[in-house]
Amino acid sequence: MNKVLAIVRPQFAPGFLIAGCDVFETDDSSLAEKHVRSLAGSGEYALVIIDEKLVRTFSPYTKNFIFESTSPVFVEVGLEGTSDENIIREIESLARDALGYAIRIKV
């Protein structure tokens, strides 16, 4: 199944839920990092969107894993100063680039 997961801070979770993504919300970078590692080889998600601010303190090992992973594909997104509409457009664009086909998110 080609599901999308967003790992984001709580204030951004509603926008991703409305867009139809599964959401793991946290303000704790170490908890987000543990969740990222748990996704290795799970096959549950095709695309994982991660709040750029959470990734900043990840270990070099985890950052490398994110960069090299193809299943799932990880995409870091800067969410500061963005609207829900801009986030949805960005997700559609990133999914098209990462998955090789266009998706349309209806709100």
C-alpha atoms as a PDB file:
ATOM      1  CA  MET A   1       0.000   0.000   0.000  1.00  0.00           C
ATOM      2  CA  ASN A   2       1.335   3.471  -0.870  1.00  0.00           C
ATOM      3  CA  LYS A   3       0.607   5.426   2.279  1.00  0.00           C
ATOM      4  CA  VAL A   4       2.082   8.765   3.312  1.00  0.00           C
ATOM      5  CA  LEU A   5       3.240   9.509   6.863  1.00  0.00           C
ATOM      6  CA  ALA A   6       4.007  12.965   8.232  1.00  0.00           C
ATOM      7  CA  ILE A   7       6.300  13.247  11.268  1.00  0.00           C
ATOM      8  CA  VAL A   8       5.611  16.778  12.439  1.00  0.00           C
ATOM      9  CA  ARG A   9       5.216  19.050  15.436  1.00  0.00           C
ATOM     10  CA  PRO A  10       1.650  19.128  16.847  1.00  0.00           C
ATOM     11  CA  GLN A  11       0.730  22.526  15.379  1.00  0.00           C
ATOM     12  CA  PHE A  12       1.173  21.136  11.845  1.00  0.00           C
ATOM     13  CA  ALA A  13      -0.615  17.812  12.357  1.00  0.00           C
ATOM     14  CA  PRO A  14      -4.148  18.995  11.456  1.00  0.00           C
ATOM     15  CA  GLY A  15      -3.088  20.156   7.986  1.00  0.00           C
ATOM     16  CA  PHE A  16      -1.539  16.784   7.196  1.00  0.00           C
ATOM     17  CA  LEU A  17      -4.525  14.904   8.612  1.00  0.00           C
ATOM     18  CA  ILE A  18      -6.845  16.947   6.403  1.00  0.00           C
ATOM     19  CA  ALA A  19      -4.601  16.095   3.453  1.00  0.00           C
ATOM     20  CA  GLY A  20      -5.141  12.388   4.168  1.00  0.00           C
ATOM     21  CA  CYS A  21      -1.726  11.563   5.625  1.00  0.00           C
ATOM     22  CA  ASP A  22      -1.087   9.394   8.630  1.00  0.00           C
ATOM     23  CA  VAL A  23       0.532  11.593  11.279  1.00  0.00           C
ATOM     24  CA  PHE A  24       3.063  11.021  14.046  1.00  0.00           C
ATOM     25  CA  GLU A  25       3.129  14.249  16.016  1.00  0.00           C
ATOM     26  CA  THR A  26       5.821  15.198  18.489  1.00  0.00           C
ATOM     27  CA  ASP A  27       7.914  18.119  19.667  1.00  0.00           C
ATOM     28  CA  ASP A  28      10.626  15.694  20.812  1.00  0.00           C
ATOM     29  CA  SER A  29      13.364  15.154  18.211  1.00  0.00           C
ATOM     30  CA  SER A  30      14.657  12.008  19.917  1.00  0.00           C
ATOM     31  CA  LEU A  31      11.189  10.438  19.815  1.00  0.00           C
ATOM     32  CA  ALA A  32      10.880  11.394  16.132  1.00  0.00           C
ATOM     33  CA  GLU A  33      14.302   9.848  15.465  1.00  0.00           C
ATOM     34  CA  LYS A  34      13.289   6.568  17.143  1.00  0.00           C
ATOM     35  CA  HIS A  35      10.130   6.484  15.040  1.00  0.00           C
ATOM     36  CA  VAL A  36      12.131   7.065  11.843  1.00  0.00           C
ATOM     37  CA  ARG A  37      14.415   4.140  12.702  1.00  0.00           C
ATOM     38  CA  SER A  38      11.394   1.915  13.380  1.00  0.00           C
ATOM     39  CA  LEU A  39      10.214   2.478   9.791  1.00  0.00           C
ATOM     40  CA  ALA A  40      13.307   0.831   8.266  1.00  0.00           C
ATOM     41  CA  GLY A  41      12.135  -2.050   6.129  1.00  0.00           C
ATOM     42  CA  SER A  42       8.574  -1.973   7.477  1.00  0.00           C
ATOM     43  CA  GLY A  43       7.049  -1.463   4.033  1.00  0.00           C
ATOM     44  CA  GLU A  44       4.117   0.350   5.608  1.00  0.00           C
ATOM     45  CA  TYR A  45       4.763   3.745   3.983  1.00  0.00           C
ATOM     46  CA  ALA A  46       5.911   4.791   0.529  1.00  0.00           C
ATOM     47  CA  LEU A  47       6.614   8.394   1.536  1.00  0.00           C
ATOM     48  CA  VAL A  48       7.525   9.890   4.920  1.00  0.00           C
ATOM     49  CA  ILE A  49       7.463  13.663   5.289  1.00  0.00           C
ATOM     50  CA  ILE A  50       9.537  14.944   8.196  1.00  0.00           C
ATOM     51  CA  ASP A  51       9.475  18.370   9.784  1.00  0.00           C
ATOM     52  CA  GLU A  52      12.909  19.849   9.077  1.00  0.00           C
ATOM     53  CA  LYS A  53      13.135  21.280  12.596  1.00  0.00           C
ATOM     54  CA  LEU A  54      12.874  17.782  14.129  1.00  0.00           C
ATOM     55  CA  VAL A  55      15.657  16.421  11.905  1.00  0.00           C
ATOM     56  CA  ARG A  56      18.216  19.037  12.966  1.00  0.00           C
ATOM     57  CA  THR A  57      19.334  17.081  16.041  1.00  0.00           C
ATOM     58  CA  PHE A  58      19.162  13.568  14.544  1.00  0.00           C
ATOM     59  CA  SER A  59      22.355  11.525  14.715  1.00  0.00           C
ATOM     60  CA  PRO A  60      24.526  11.383  11.587  1.00  0.00           C
ATOM     61  CA  TYR A  61      23.552   7.701  11.240  1.00  0.00           C
ATOM     62  CA  THR A  62      19.830   8.533  11.103  1.00  0.00           C
ATOM     63  CA  LYS A  63      20.367  11.477   8.764  1.00  0.00           C
ATOM     64  CA  ASN A  64      22.300   9.170   6.423  1.00  0.00           C
ATOM     65  CA  PHE A  65      19.528   6.563   6.634  1.00  0.00           C
ATOM     66  CA  ILE A  66      16.960   9.204   5.649  1.00  0.00           C
ATOM     67  CA  PHE A  67      19.113  10.364   2.740  1.00  0.00           C
ATOM     68  CA  GLU A  68      19.763   6.875   1.340  1.00  0.00           C
ATOM     69  CA  SER A  69      16.420   5.192   1.999  1.00  0.00           C
ATOM     70  CA  THR A  70      14.286   4.233  -0.981  1.00  0.00           C
ATOM     71  CA  SER A  71      11.620   2.356   0.975  1.00  0.00           C
ATOM     72  CA  PRO A  72      10.213   4.489   2.347  1.00  0.00           C
ATOM     73  CA  VAL A  73      11.327   7.682   0.644  1.00  0.00           C
ATOM     74  CA  PHE A  74      11.954  10.394   3.244  1.00  0.00           C
ATOM     75  CA  VAL A  75      11.462  14.068   2.487  1.00  0.00           C
ATOM     76  CA  GLU A  76      12.343  16.895   4.853  1.00  0.00           C
ATOM     77  CA  VAL A  77       9.972  19.855   4.703  1.00  0.00           C
ATOM     78  CA  GLY A  78      10.476  23.270   6.296  1.00  0.00           C
ATOM     79  CA  LEU A  79       7.125  24.197   7.798  1.00  0.00           C
ATOM     80  CA  GLU A  80       7.762  27.588   9.341  1.00  0.00           C
ATOM     81  CA  GLY A  81       5.688  30.389   7.840  1.00  0.00           C
ATOM     82  CA  THR A  82       3.657  28.197   5.517  1.00  0.00           C
ATOM     83  CA  SER A  83      -0.059  27.906   4.976  1.00  0.00           C
ATOM     84  CA  ASP A  84      -1.976  24.633   4.701  1.00  0.00           C
ATOM     85  CA  GLU A  85      -2.475  25.272   0.980  1.00  0.00           C
ATOM     86  CA  ASN A  86       1.260  25.707   0.403  1.00  0.00           C
ATOM     87  CA  ILE A  87       2.015  22.567   2.413  1.00  0.00           C
ATOM     88  CA  ILE A  88      -0.440  20.555   0.307  1.00  0.00           C
ATOM     89  CA  ARG A  89       1.134  21.819  -2.933  1.00  0.00           C
ATOM     90  CA  GLU A  90       4.585  20.974  -1.588  1.00  0.00           C
ATOM     91  CA  ILE A  91       3.481  17.454  -0.617  1.00  0.00           C
ATOM     92  CA  GLU A  92       2.016  16.876  -4.076  1.00  0.00           C
ATOM     93  CA  SER A  93       5.222  18.066  -5.714  1.00  0.00           C
ATOM     94  CA  LEU A  94       7.478  16.009  -3.440  1.00  0.00           C
ATOM     95  CA  ALA A  95       5.361  12.891  -3.912  1.00  0.00           C
ATOM     96  CA  ARG A  96       5.501  13.321  -7.691  1.00  0.00           C
ATOM     97  CA  ASP A  97       9.290  13.596  -7.596  1.00  0.00           C
ATOM     98  CA  ALA A  98       9.797  10.783  -5.069  1.00  0.00           C
ATOM     99  CA  LEU A  99       7.209   8.273  -6.292  1.00  0.00           C
ATOM    100  CA  GLY A 100       7.310   9.015 -10.008  1.00  0.00           C
ATOM    101  CA  TYR A 101       3.631   9.788 -10.371  1.00  0.00           C
ATOM    102  CA  ALA A 102       1.326  12.637  -9.501  1.00  0.00           C
ATOM    103  CA  ILE A 103      -1.035  12.557  -6.552  1.00  0.00           C
ATOM    104  CA  ARG A 104      -3.898  14.936  -5.925  1.00  0.00           C
ATOM    105  CA  ILE A 105      -4.797  15.826  -2.359  1.00  0.00           C
ATOM    106  CA  LYS A 106      -8.396  16.906  -1.902  1.00  0.00           C
ATOM    107  CA  VAL A 107      -9.188  19.008   1.136  1.00  0.00           C
END
